[in-house]
Amino acid sequence: MIAVQDDMIPLLNFGDKLYPDLYEPFLKLPDEATPEIPSAQTLRAYWSKHNEALTQHFKQMKPEEWFEKHTAVSAEEFIKEPYRNKLNIIIIRTSHLSYHIGQLALIKQLT
């Protein structure tokens, strides 16, 4: 999850990804082709640091900045579809994340 969530930093125009090295082993390569991945403890620490970084950026944002376009939409597209803004990214990502939290809860219950 951290490999995908890390895309939010450049998507919201907050800077570069914190963990670009996670892209290849978690998103690009098949599971069997990944020689080594960070431990669960390391990934949890990355997750916490990532959330802290996002929180700091959110605290600095003015209300009107939430309605600005994100970096994955062109200026032309944004004129036609103004809902493709930063707030929408947060809402969609949070909703999607809750789906995965439910999956983890189910796995824990079944094991």
PDB file of N, CA and C in Angstrom:
ATOM      1  N   MET A   1       0.814  -1.197   0.000  1.00  0.00           N
ATOM      2  CA  MET A   1       0.000   0.000   0.000  1.00  0.00           C
ATOM      3  C   MET A   1       0.858   1.262   0.000  1.00  0.00           C
ATOM      4  N   ILE A   2       1.993   1.213   0.675  1.00  0.00           N
ATOM      5  CA  ILE A   2       2.833   2.416   0.722  1.00  0.00           C
ATOM      6  C   ILE A   2       3.383   2.745  -0.663  1.00  0.00           C
ATOM      7  N   ALA A   3       3.640   1.738  -1.477  1.00  0.00           N
ATOM      8  CA  ALA A   3       4.167   2.000  -2.823  1.00  0.00           C
ATOM      9  C   ALA A   3       3.166   2.800  -3.653  1.00  0.00           C
ATOM     10  N   VAL A   4       1.892   2.506  -3.503  1.00  0.00           N
ATOM     11  CA  VAL A   4       0.850   3.231  -4.236  1.00  0.00           C
ATOM     12  C   VAL A   4       0.583   4.587  -3.588  1.00  0.00           C
ATOM     13  N   GLN A   5       0.463   4.600  -2.267  1.00  0.00           N
ATOM     14  CA  GLN A   5       0.174   5.853  -1.567  1.00  0.00           C
ATOM     15  C   GLN A   5       1.274   6.889  -1.772  1.00  0.00           C
ATOM     16  N   ASP A   6       2.494   6.434  -1.986  1.00  0.00           N
ATOM     17  CA  ASP A   6       3.612   7.359  -2.174  1.00  0.00           C
ATOM     18  C   ASP A   6       3.423   8.222  -3.424  1.00  0.00           C
ATOM     19  N   ASP A   7       2.594   7.753  -4.350  1.00  0.00           N
ATOM     20  CA  ASP A   7       2.279   8.549  -5.549  1.00  0.00           C
ATOM     21  C   ASP A   7       1.512   9.825  -5.216  1.00  0.00           C
ATOM     22  N   MET A   8       0.904   9.865  -4.045  1.00  0.00           N
ATOM     23  CA  MET A   8       0.109  11.044  -3.685  1.00  0.00           C
ATOM     24  C   MET A   8       0.960  12.302  -3.554  1.00  0.00           C
ATOM     25  N   ILE A   9       2.191  12.156  -3.138  1.00  0.00           N
ATOM     26  CA  ILE A   9       3.036  13.341  -2.933  1.00  0.00           C
ATOM     27  C   ILE A   9       3.244  14.095  -4.248  1.00  0.00           C
ATOM     28  N   PRO A  10       3.714  13.453  -5.316  1.00  0.00           N
ATOM     29  CA  PRO A  10       3.822  14.197  -6.578  1.00  0.00           C
ATOM     30  C   PRO A  10       2.453  14.525  -7.190  1.00  0.00           C
ATOM     31  N   LEU A  11       1.471  13.658  -6.996  1.00  0.00           N
ATOM     32  CA  LEU A  11       0.141  13.897  -7.544  1.00  0.00           C
ATOM     33  C   LEU A  11      -0.483  15.174  -6.980  1.00  0.00           C
ATOM     34  N   LEU A  12      -0.215  15.443  -5.710  1.00  0.00           N
ATOM     35  CA  LEU A  12      -0.736  16.651  -5.065  1.00  0.00           C
ATOM     36  C   LEU A  12       0.226  17.825  -5.185  1.00  0.00           C
ATOM     37  N   ASN A  13       1.309  17.612  -5.922  1.00  0.00           N
ATOM     38  CA  ASN A  13       2.321  18.642  -6.166  1.00  0.00           C
ATOM     39  C   ASN A  13       3.030  19.074  -4.879  1.00  0.00           C
ATOM     40  N   PHE A  14       3.306  18.076  -4.020  1.00  0.00           N
ATOM     41  CA  PHE A  14       4.014  18.317  -2.766  1.00  0.00           C
ATOM     42  C   PHE A  14       5.500  17.993  -2.873  1.00  0.00           C
ATOM     43  N   GLY A  15       5.946  17.531  -4.016  1.00  0.00           N
ATOM     44  CA  GLY A  15       7.350  17.178  -4.187  1.00  0.00           C
ATOM     45  C   GLY A  15       7.489  15.782  -4.765  1.00  0.00           C
ATOM     46  N   ASP A  16       8.656  15.200  -4.542  1.00  0.00           N
ATOM     47  CA  ASP A  16       8.953  13.866  -5.068  1.00  0.00           C
ATOM     48  C   ASP A  16       8.492  12.777  -4.099  1.00  0.00           C
ATOM     49  N   LYS A  17       8.335  11.576  -4.633  1.00  0.00           N
ATOM     50  CA  LYS A  17       8.009  10.429  -3.796  1.00  0.00           C
ATOM     51  C   LYS A  17       9.056  10.279  -2.699  1.00  0.00           C
ATOM     52  N   LEU A  18       8.636   9.772  -1.558  1.00  0.00           N
ATOM     53  CA  LEU A  18       9.584   9.490  -0.482  1.00  0.00           C
ATOM     54  C   LEU A  18      10.291   8.159  -0.707  1.00  0.00           C
ATOM     55  N   TYR A  19       9.590   7.207  -1.328  1.00  0.00           N
ATOM     56  CA  TYR A  19      10.125   5.851  -1.483  1.00  0.00           C
ATOM     57  C   TYR A  19      10.018   5.352  -2.928  1.00  0.00           C
ATOM     58  N   PRO A  20      10.705   5.993  -3.864  1.00  0.00           N
ATOM     59  CA  PRO A  20      10.603   5.560  -5.264  1.00  0.00           C
ATOM     60  C   PRO A  20      11.148   4.152  -5.490  1.00  0.00           C
ATOM     61  N   ASP A  21      12.006   3.687  -4.595  1.00  0.00           N
ATOM     62  CA  ASP A  21      12.572   2.347  -4.734  1.00  0.00           C
ATOM     63  C   ASP A  21      11.534   1.246  -4.491  1.00  0.00           C
ATOM     64  N   LEU A  22      10.363   1.582  -3.997  1.00  0.00           N
ATOM     65  CA  LEU A  22       9.319   0.581  -3.776  1.00  0.00           C
ATOM     66  C   LEU A  22       8.504   0.301  -5.039  1.00  0.00           C
ATOM     67  N   TYR A  23       8.609   1.174  -6.035  1.00  0.00           N
ATOM     68  CA  TYR A  23       7.816   1.013  -7.254  1.00  0.00           C
ATOM     69  C   TYR A  23       8.096  -0.326  -7.939  1.00  0.00           C
ATOM     70  N   GLU A  24       9.349  -0.586  -8.185  1.00  0.00           N
ATOM     71  CA  GLU A  24       9.690  -1.788  -8.946  1.00  0.00           C
ATOM     72  C   GLU A  24       9.292  -3.080  -8.228  1.00  0.00           C
ATOM     73  N   PRO A  25       9.703  -3.302  -6.988  1.00  0.00           N
ATOM     74  CA  PRO A  25       9.358  -4.587  -6.372  1.00  0.00           C
ATOM     75  C   PRO A  25       7.868  -4.778  -6.085  1.00  0.00           C
ATOM     76  N   PHE A  26       7.141  -3.701  -5.834  1.00  0.00           N
ATOM     77  CA  PHE A  26       5.738  -3.852  -5.450  1.00  0.00           C
ATOM     78  C   PHE A  26       4.737  -3.584  -6.566  1.00  0.00           C
ATOM     79  N   LEU A  27       5.108  -2.789  -7.552  1.00  0.00           N
ATOM     80  CA  LEU A  27       4.137  -2.415  -8.585  1.00  0.00           C
ATOM     81  C   LEU A  27       4.507  -2.870  -9.987  1.00  0.00           C
ATOM     82  N   LYS A  28       5.771  -3.020 -10.264  1.00  0.00           N
ATOM     83  CA  LYS A  28       6.196  -3.338 -11.628  1.00  0.00           C
ATOM     84  C   LYS A  28       6.463  -4.829 -11.822  1.00  0.00           C
ATOM     85  N   LEU A  29       7.264  -5.405 -10.952  1.00  0.00           N
ATOM     86  CA  LEU A  29       7.688  -6.794 -11.122  1.00  0.00           C
ATOM     87  C   LEU A  29       6.663  -7.783 -10.564  1.00  0.00           C
ATOM     88  N   PRO A  30       6.574  -8.974 -11.167  1.00  0.00           N
ATOM     89  CA  PRO A  30       5.736 -10.016 -10.570  1.00  0.00           C
ATOM     90  C   PRO A  30       6.333 -10.444  -9.225  1.00  0.00           C
ATOM     91  N   ASP A  31       5.506 -10.993  -8.366  1.00  0.00           N
ATOM     92  CA  ASP A  31       5.958 -11.379  -7.027  1.00  0.00           C
ATOM     93  C   ASP A  31       7.190 -12.277  -7.050  1.00  0.00           C
ATOM     94  N   GLU A  32       7.199 -13.241  -7.929  1.00  0.00           N
ATOM     95  CA  GLU A  32       8.314 -14.194  -7.970  1.00  0.00           C
ATOM     96  C   GLU A  32       9.619 -13.555  -8.441  1.00  0.00           C
ATOM     97  N   ALA A  33       9.524 -12.439  -9.126  1.00  0.00           N
ATOM     98  CA  ALA A  33      10.714 -11.794  -9.696  1.00  0.00           C
ATOM     99  C   ALA A  33      11.356 -10.792  -8.742  1.00  0.00           C
ATOM    100  N   THR A  34      10.759 -10.597  -7.580  1.00  0.00           N
ATOM    101  CA  THR A  34      11.281  -9.630  -6.623  1.00  0.00           C
ATOM    102  C   THR A  34      12.219 -10.342  -5.665  1.00  0.00           C
ATOM    103  N   PRO A  35      13.517 -10.076  -5.775  1.00  0.00           N
ATOM    104  CA  PRO A  35      14.489 -10.803  -4.959  1.00  0.00           C
ATOM    105  C   PRO A  35      14.391 -10.484  -3.465  1.00  0.00           C
ATOM    106  N   GLU A  36      14.151  -9.226  -3.137  1.00  0.00           N
ATOM    107  CA  GLU A  36      14.137  -8.847  -1.728  1.00  0.00           C
ATOM    108  C   GLU A  36      13.218  -7.643  -1.537  1.00  0.00           C
ATOM    109  N   ILE A  37      12.427  -7.719  -0.494  1.00  0.00           N
ATOM    110  CA  ILE A  37      11.557  -6.591  -0.169  1.00  0.00           C
ATOM    111  C   ILE A  37      11.821  -6.174   1.275  1.00  0.00           C
ATOM    112  N   PRO A  38      11.505  -4.934   1.607  1.00  0.00           N
ATOM    113  CA  PRO A  38      11.700  -4.490   2.987  1.00  0.00           C
ATOM    114  C   PRO A  38      10.806  -5.284   3.947  1.00  0.00           C
ATOM    115  N   SER A  39      11.206  -5.346   5.192  1.00  0.00           N
ATOM    116  CA  SER A  39      10.430  -6.058   6.207  1.00  0.00           C
ATOM    117  C   SER A  39       9.117  -5.332   6.481  1.00  0.00           C
ATOM    118  N   ALA A  40       8.185  -6.035   7.093  1.00  0.00           N
ATOM    119  CA  ALA A  40       6.908  -5.420   7.467  1.00  0.00           C
ATOM    120  C   ALA A  40       7.145  -4.251   8.418  1.00  0.00           C
ATOM    121  N   GLN A  41       8.084  -4.397   9.315  1.00  0.00           N
ATOM    122  CA  GLN A  41       8.405  -3.325  10.260  1.00  0.00           C
ATOM    123  C   GLN A  41       8.891  -2.076   9.519  1.00  0.00           C
ATOM    124  N   THR A  42       9.746  -2.271   8.535  1.00  0.00           N
ATOM    125  CA  THR A  42      10.253  -1.148   7.741  1.00  0.00           C
ATOM    126  C   THR A  42       9.120  -0.488   6.958  1.00  0.00           C
ATOM    127  N   LEU A  43       8.262  -1.298   6.358  1.00  0.00           N
ATOM    128  CA  LEU A  43       7.143  -0.753   5.585  1.00  0.00           C
ATOM    129  C   LEU A  43       6.179   0.029   6.477  1.00  0.00           C
ATOM    130  N   ARG A  44       5.959  -0.462   7.702  1.00  0.00           N
ATOM    131  CA  ARG A  44       5.112   0.285   8.649  1.00  0.00           C
ATOM    132  C   ARG A  44       5.741   1.624   8.992  1.00  0.00           C
ATOM    133  N   ALA A  45       7.052   1.637   9.174  1.00  0.00           N
ATOM    134  CA  ALA A  45       7.754   2.898   9.466  1.00  0.00           C
ATOM    135  C   ALA A  45       7.643   3.853   8.278  1.00  0.00           C
ATOM    136  N   TYR A  46       7.777   3.330   7.065  1.00  0.00           N
ATOM    137  CA  TYR A  46       7.606   4.154   5.862  1.00  0.00           C
ATOM    138  C   TYR A  46       6.193   4.745   5.829  1.00  0.00           C
ATOM    139  N   TRP A  47       5.210   3.908   6.145  1.00  0.00           N
ATOM    140  CA  TRP A  47       3.812   4.338   6.137  1.00  0.00           C
ATOM    141  C   TRP A  47       3.608   5.504   7.111  1.00  0.00           C
ATOM    142  N   SER A  48       4.154   5.363   8.301  1.00  0.00           N
ATOM    143  CA  SER A  48       4.016   6.418   9.319  1.00  0.00           C
ATOM    144  C   SER A  48       4.687   7.710   8.869  1.00  0.00           C
ATOM    145  N   LYS A  49       5.893   7.586   8.333  1.00  0.00           N
ATOM    146  CA  LYS A  49       6.615   8.777   7.880  1.00  0.00           C
ATOM    147  C   LYS A  49       5.874   9.450   6.721  1.00  0.00           C
ATOM    148  N   HIS A  50       5.345   8.650   5.831  1.00  0.00           N
ATOM    149  CA  HIS A  50       4.587   9.169   4.690  1.00  0.00           C
ATOM    150  C   HIS A  50       3.357   9.935   5.173  1.00  0.00           C
ATOM    151  N   ASN A  51       2.622   9.351   6.113  1.00  0.00           N
ATOM    152  CA  ASN A  51       1.431  10.022   6.640  1.00  0.00           C
ATOM    153  C   ASN A  51       1.789  11.311   7.365  1.00  0.00           C
ATOM    154  N   GLU A  52       2.898  11.319   8.067  1.00  0.00           N
ATOM    155  CA  GLU A  52       3.358  12.546   8.727  1.00  0.00           C
ATOM    156  C   GLU A  52       3.672  13.630   7.695  1.00  0.00           C
ATOM    157  N   ALA A  53       4.325  13.242   6.607  1.00  0.00           N
ATOM    158  CA  ALA A  53       4.659  14.210   5.551  1.00  0.00           C
ATOM    159  C   ALA A  53       3.391  14.787   4.927  1.00  0.00           C
ATOM    160  N   LEU A  54       2.427  13.924   4.621  1.00  0.00           N
ATOM    161  CA  LEU A  54       1.166  14.410   4.052  1.00  0.00           C
ATOM    162  C   LEU A  54       0.450  15.341   5.031  1.00  0.00           C
ATOM    163  N   THR A  55       0.422  14.959   6.292  1.00  0.00           N
ATOM    164  CA  THR A  55      -0.239  15.782   7.306  1.00  0.00           C
ATOM    165  C   THR A  55       0.371  17.172   7.368  1.00  0.00           C
ATOM    166  N   GLN A  56       1.682  17.254   7.305  1.00  0.00           N
ATOM    167  CA  GLN A  56       2.342  18.564   7.334  1.00  0.00           C
ATOM    168  C   GLN A  56       1.948  19.410   6.124  1.00  0.00           C
ATOM    169  N   HIS A  57       1.882  18.790   4.970  1.00  0.00           N
ATOM    170  CA  HIS A  57       1.454  19.522   3.766  1.00  0.00           C
ATOM    171  C   HIS A  57      -0.006  19.970   3.888  1.00  0.00           C
ATOM    172  N   PHE A  58      -0.862  19.077   4.382  1.00  0.00           N
ATOM    173  CA  PHE A  58      -2.280  19.415   4.522  1.00  0.00           C
ATOM    174  C   PHE A  58      -2.475  20.604   5.459  1.00  0.00           C
ATOM    175  N   LYS A  59      -1.723  20.623   6.539  1.00  0.00           N
ATOM    176  CA  LYS A  59      -1.845  21.714   7.514  1.00  0.00           C
ATOM    177  C   LYS A  59      -1.472  23.067   6.911  1.00  0.00           C
ATOM    178  N   GLN A  60      -0.609  23.063   5.920  1.00  0.00           N
ATOM    179  CA  GLN A  60      -0.151  24.305   5.299  1.00  0.00           C
ATOM    180  C   GLN A  60      -1.072  24.783   4.173  1.00  0.00           C
ATOM    181  N   MET A  61      -1.977  23.926   3.741  1.00  0.00           N
ATOM    182  CA  MET A  61      -2.843  24.280   2.614  1.00  0.00           C
ATOM    183  C   MET A  61      -3.948  25.242   3.028  1.00  0.00           C
ATOM    184  N   LYS A  62      -4.235  26.167   2.144  1.00  0.00           N
ATOM    185  CA  LYS A  62      -5.375  27.065   2.307  1.00  0.00           C
ATOM    186  C   LYS A  62      -6.613  26.345   1.770  1.00  0.00           C
ATOM    187  N   PRO A  63      -7.794  26.672   2.271  1.00  0.00           N
ATOM    188  CA  PRO A  63      -9.008  25.970   1.811  1.00  0.00           C
ATOM    189  C   PRO A  63      -9.168  25.945   0.289  1.00  0.00           C
ATOM    190  N   GLU A  64      -8.883  27.049  -0.369  1.00  0.00           N
ATOM    191  CA  GLU A  64      -9.075  27.092  -1.829  1.00  0.00           C
ATOM    192  C   GLU A  64      -8.089  26.189  -2.583  1.00  0.00           C
ATOM    193  N   GLU A  65      -6.973  25.853  -1.965  1.00  0.00           N
ATOM    194  CA  GLU A  65      -5.986  24.993  -2.628  1.00  0.00           C
ATOM    195  C   GLU A  65      -6.495  23.564  -2.809  1.00  0.00           C
ATOM    196  N   TRP A  66      -7.440  23.144  -1.970  1.00  0.00           N
ATOM    197  CA  TRP A  66      -8.006  21.804  -2.114  1.00  0.00           C
ATOM    198  C   TRP A  66      -8.740  21.647  -3.447  1.00  0.00           C
ATOM    199  N   PHE A  67      -9.180  22.754  -4.012  1.00  0.00           N
ATOM    200  CA  PHE A  67      -9.964  22.705  -5.245  1.00  0.00           C
ATOM    201  C   PHE A  67      -9.133  22.990  -6.489  1.00  0.00           C
ATOM    202  N   GLU A  68      -7.820  23.028  -6.324  1.00  0.00           N
ATOM    203  CA  GLU A  68      -6.913  23.182  -7.466  1.00  0.00           C
ATOM    204  C   GLU A  68      -6.715  21.830  -8.137  1.00  0.00           C
ATOM    205  N   LYS A  69      -6.290  21.872  -9.378  1.00  0.00           N
ATOM    206  CA  LYS A  69      -6.053  20.626 -10.116  1.00  0.00           C
ATOM    207  C   LYS A  69      -4.857  19.879  -9.528  1.00  0.00           C
ATOM    208  N   HIS A  70      -4.911  18.563  -9.665  1.00  0.00           N
ATOM    209  CA  HIS A  70      -3.754  17.751  -9.300  1.00  0.00           C
ATOM    210  C   HIS A  70      -2.873  17.581 -10.533  1.00  0.00           C
ATOM    211  N   THR A  71      -1.724  16.974 -10.379  1.00  0.00           N
ATOM    212  CA  THR A  71      -0.741  16.939 -11.465  1.00  0.00           C
ATOM    213  C   THR A  71      -1.060  15.930 -12.569  1.00  0.00           C
ATOM    214  N   ALA A  72      -2.024  15.051 -12.360  1.00  0.00           N
ATOM    215  CA  ALA A  72      -2.349  14.062 -13.391  1.00  0.00           C
ATOM    216  C   ALA A  72      -3.425  14.547 -14.357  1.00  0.00           C
ATOM    217  N   VAL A  73      -3.859  15.780 -14.199  1.00  0.00           N
ATOM    218  CA  VAL A  73      -4.879  16.333 -15.088  1.00  0.00           C
ATOM    219  C   VAL A  73      -4.306  17.580 -15.766  1.00  0.00           C
ATOM    220  N   SER A  74      -4.568  17.703 -17.042  1.00  0.00           N
ATOM    221  CA  SER A  74      -4.086  18.884 -17.769  1.00  0.00           C
ATOM    222  C   SER A  74      -4.985  20.082 -17.465  1.00  0.00           C
ATOM    223  N   ALA A  75      -4.492  21.259 -17.761  1.00  0.00           N
ATOM    224  CA  ALA A  75      -5.284  22.482 -17.556  1.00  0.00           C
ATOM    225  C   ALA A  75      -6.564  22.435 -18.387  1.00  0.00           C
ATOM    226  N   GLU A  76      -6.468  21.913 -19.614  1.00  0.00           N
ATOM    227  CA  GLU A  76      -7.634  21.826 -20.493  1.00  0.00           C
ATOM    228  C   GLU A  76      -8.679  20.860 -19.926  1.00  0.00           C
ATOM    229  N   GLU A  77      -8.211  19.709 -19.453  1.00  0.00           N
ATOM    230  CA  GLU A  77      -9.135  18.736 -18.866  1.00  0.00           C
ATOM    231  C   GLU A  77      -9.786  19.291 -17.603  1.00  0.00           C
ATOM    232  N   PHE A  78      -9.004  20.020 -16.825  1.00  0.00           N
ATOM    233  CA  PHE A  78      -9.511  20.557 -15.564  1.00  0.00           C
ATOM    234  C   PHE A  78     -10.616  21.587 -15.798  1.00  0.00           C
ATOM    235  N   ILE A  79     -10.523  22.329 -16.865  1.00  0.00           N
ATOM    236  CA  ILE A  79     -11.593  23.287 -17.196  1.00  0.00           C
ATOM    237  C   ILE A  79     -12.906  22.538 -17.439  1.00  0.00           C
ATOM    238  N   LYS A  80     -12.818  21.408 -18.139  1.00  0.00           N
ATOM    239  CA  LYS A  80     -14.008  20.611 -18.437  1.00  0.00           C
ATOM    240  C   LYS A  80     -14.483  19.798 -17.232  1.00  0.00           C
ATOM    241  N   GLU A  81     -13.526  19.387 -16.399  1.00  0.00           N
ATOM    242  CA  GLU A  81     -13.833  18.499 -15.272  1.00  0.00           C
ATOM    243  C   GLU A  81     -13.200  19.046 -13.990  1.00  0.00           C
ATOM    244  N   PRO A  82     -13.744  20.126 -13.438  1.00  0.00           N
ATOM    245  CA  PRO A  82     -13.127  20.758 -12.270  1.00  0.00           C
ATOM    246  C   PRO A  82     -13.158  19.910 -11.000  1.00  0.00           C
ATOM    247  N   TYR A  83     -13.936  18.843 -11.019  1.00  0.00           N
ATOM    248  CA  TYR A  83     -13.957  17.938  -9.868  1.00  0.00           C
ATOM    249  C   TYR A  83     -12.671  17.113  -9.766  1.00  0.00           C
ATOM    250  N   ARG A  84     -11.830  17.165 -10.786  1.00  0.00           N
ATOM    251  CA  ARG A  84     -10.551  16.441 -10.744  1.00  0.00           C
ATOM    252  C   ARG A  84      -9.538  17.307  -9.996  1.00  0.00           C
ATOM    253  N   ASN A  85      -9.805  17.485  -8.721  1.00  0.00           N
ATOM    254  CA  ASN A  85      -8.995  18.365  -7.894  1.00  0.00           C
ATOM    255  C   ASN A  85      -8.317  17.581  -6.768  1.00  0.00           C
ATOM    256  N   LYS A  86      -7.556  18.280  -5.964  1.00  0.00           N
ATOM    257  CA  LYS A  86      -6.789  17.646  -4.886  1.00  0.00           C
ATOM    258  C   LYS A  86      -7.696  17.011  -3.837  1.00  0.00           C
ATOM    259  N   LEU A  87      -8.783  17.677  -3.502  1.00  0.00           N
ATOM    260  CA  LEU A  87      -9.708  17.113  -2.517  1.00  0.00           C
ATOM    261  C   LEU A  87     -10.288  15.796  -3.013  1.00  0.00           C
ATOM    262  N   ASN A  88     -10.624  15.734  -4.285  1.00  0.00           N
ATOM    263  CA  ASN A  88     -11.162  14.511  -4.865  1.00  0.00           C
ATOM    264  C   ASN A  88     -10.158  13.362  -4.761  1.00  0.00           C
ATOM    265  N   ILE A  89      -8.890  13.654  -4.962  1.00  0.00           N
ATOM    266  CA  ILE A  89      -7.850  12.624  -4.826  1.00  0.00           C
ATOM    267  C   ILE A  89      -7.861  12.052  -3.416  1.00  0.00           C
ATOM    268  N   ILE A  90      -7.930  12.927  -2.418  1.00  0.00           N
ATOM    269  CA  ILE A  90      -7.928  12.475  -1.026  1.00  0.00           C
ATOM    270  C   ILE A  90      -9.163  11.625  -0.738  1.00  0.00           C
ATOM    271  N   ILE A  91     -10.313  12.057  -1.195  1.00  0.00           N
ATOM    272  CA  ILE A  91     -11.548  11.308  -0.958  1.00  0.00           C
ATOM    273  C   ILE A  91     -11.474   9.930  -1.611  1.00  0.00           C
ATOM    274  N   ILE A  92     -11.054   9.880  -2.860  1.00  0.00           N
ATOM    275  CA  ILE A  92     -10.983   8.602  -3.580  1.00  0.00           C
ATOM    276  C   ILE A  92      -9.950   7.674  -2.950  1.00  0.00           C
ATOM    277  N   ARG A  93      -8.774   8.197  -2.654  1.00  0.00           N
ATOM    278  CA  ARG A  93      -7.725   7.359  -2.065  1.00  0.00           C
ATOM    279  C   ARG A  93      -8.117   6.850  -0.680  1.00  0.00           C
ATOM    280  N   THR A  94      -8.765   7.686   0.112  1.00  0.00           N
ATOM    281  CA  THR A  94      -9.191   7.269   1.449  1.00  0.00           C
ATOM    282  C   THR A  94     -10.248   6.175   1.350  1.00  0.00           C
ATOM    283  N   SER A  95     -11.180   6.347   0.450  1.00  0.00           N
ATOM    284  CA  SER A  95     -12.213   5.338   0.236  1.00  0.00           C
ATOM    285  C   SER A  95     -11.595   4.016  -0.215  1.00  0.00           C
ATOM    286  N   HIS A  96     -10.671   4.085  -1.146  1.00  0.00           N
ATOM    287  CA  HIS A  96     -10.017   2.875  -1.639  1.00  0.00           C
ATOM    288  C   HIS A  96      -9.194   2.213  -0.529  1.00  0.00           C
ATOM    289  N   LEU A  97      -8.537   3.004   0.264  1.00  0.00           N
ATOM    290  CA  LEU A  97      -7.739   2.477   1.364  1.00  0.00           C
ATOM    291  C   LEU A  97      -8.620   1.742   2.369  1.00  0.00           C
ATOM    292  N   SER A  98      -9.816   2.245   2.622  1.00  0.00           N
ATOM    293  CA  SER A  98     -10.719   1.579   3.564  1.00  0.00           C
ATOM    294  C   SER A  98     -11.095   0.184   3.052  1.00  0.00           C
ATOM    295  N   TYR A  99     -11.175   0.022   1.744  1.00  0.00           N
ATOM    296  CA  TYR A  99     -11.427  -1.293   1.151  1.00  0.00           C
ATOM    297  C   TYR A  99     -10.306  -2.263   1.524  1.00  0.00           C
ATOM    298  N   HIS A 100      -9.063  -1.811   1.398  1.00  0.00           N
ATOM    299  CA  HIS A 100      -7.927  -2.676   1.727  1.00  0.00           C
ATOM    300  C   HIS A 100      -7.841  -2.951   3.223  1.00  0.00           C
ATOM    301  N   ILE A 101      -8.216  -2.000   4.041  1.00  0.00           N
ATOM    302  CA  ILE A 101      -8.232  -2.234   5.487  1.00  0.00           C
ATOM    303  C   ILE A 101      -9.243  -3.333   5.809  1.00  0.00           C
ATOM    304  N   GLY A 102     -10.365  -3.328   5.127  1.00  0.00           N
ATOM    305  CA  GLY A 102     -11.345  -4.399   5.289  1.00  0.00           C
ATOM    306  C   GLY A 102     -10.786  -5.751   4.874  1.00  0.00           C
ATOM    307  N   GLN A 103     -10.021  -5.781   3.802  1.00  0.00           N
ATOM    308  CA  GLN A 103      -9.387  -7.032   3.375  1.00  0.00           C
ATOM    309  C   GLN A 103      -8.432  -7.543   4.450  1.00  0.00           C
ATOM    310  N   LEU A 104      -7.636  -6.642   5.013  1.00  0.00           N
ATOM    311  CA  LEU A 104      -6.690  -7.040   6.058  1.00  0.00           C
ATOM    312  C   LEU A 104      -7.416  -7.562   7.294  1.00  0.00           C
ATOM    313  N   ALA A 105      -8.516  -6.925   7.656  1.00  0.00           N
ATOM    314  CA  ALA A 105      -9.300  -7.385   8.804  1.00  0.00           C
ATOM    315  C   ALA A 105      -9.858  -8.782   8.545  1.00  0.00           C
ATOM    316  N   LEU A 106     -10.316  -9.032   7.332  1.00  0.00           N
ATOM    317  CA  LEU A 106     -10.842 -10.343   6.976  1.00  0.00           C
ATOM    318  C   LEU A 106      -9.745 -11.399   7.026  1.00  0.00           C
ATOM    319  N   ILE A 107      -8.588 -11.088   6.486  1.00  0.00           N
ATOM    320  CA  ILE A 107      -7.468 -12.040   6.521  1.00  0.00           C
ATOM    321  C   ILE A 107      -7.110 -12.375   7.960  1.00  0.00           C
ATOM    322  N   LYS A 108      -7.048 -11.359   8.807  1.00  0.00           N
ATOM    323  CA  LYS A 108      -6.713 -11.575  10.217  1.00  0.00           C
ATOM    324  C   LYS A 108      -7.760 -12.465  10.875  1.00  0.00           C
ATOM    325  N   GLN A 109      -9.022 -12.252  10.544  1.00  0.00           N
ATOM    326  CA  GLN A 109     -10.106 -13.037  11.119  1.00  0.00           C
ATOM    327  C   GLN A 109     -10.050 -14.497  10.654  1.00  0.00           C
ATOM    328  N   LEU A 110      -9.631 -14.714   9.424  1.00  0.00           N
ATOM    329  CA  LEU A 110      -9.609 -16.060   8.858  1.00  0.00           C
ATOM    330  C   LEU A 110      -8.363 -16.855   9.228  1.00  0.00           C
ATOM    331  N   THR A 111      -7.341 -16.181   9.720  1.00  0.00           N
ATOM    332  CA  THR A 111      -6.101 -16.902  10.060  1.00  0.00           C
ATOM    333  C   THR A 111      -5.944 -17.087  11.541  1.00  0.00           C
TER     334      THR A 111
END
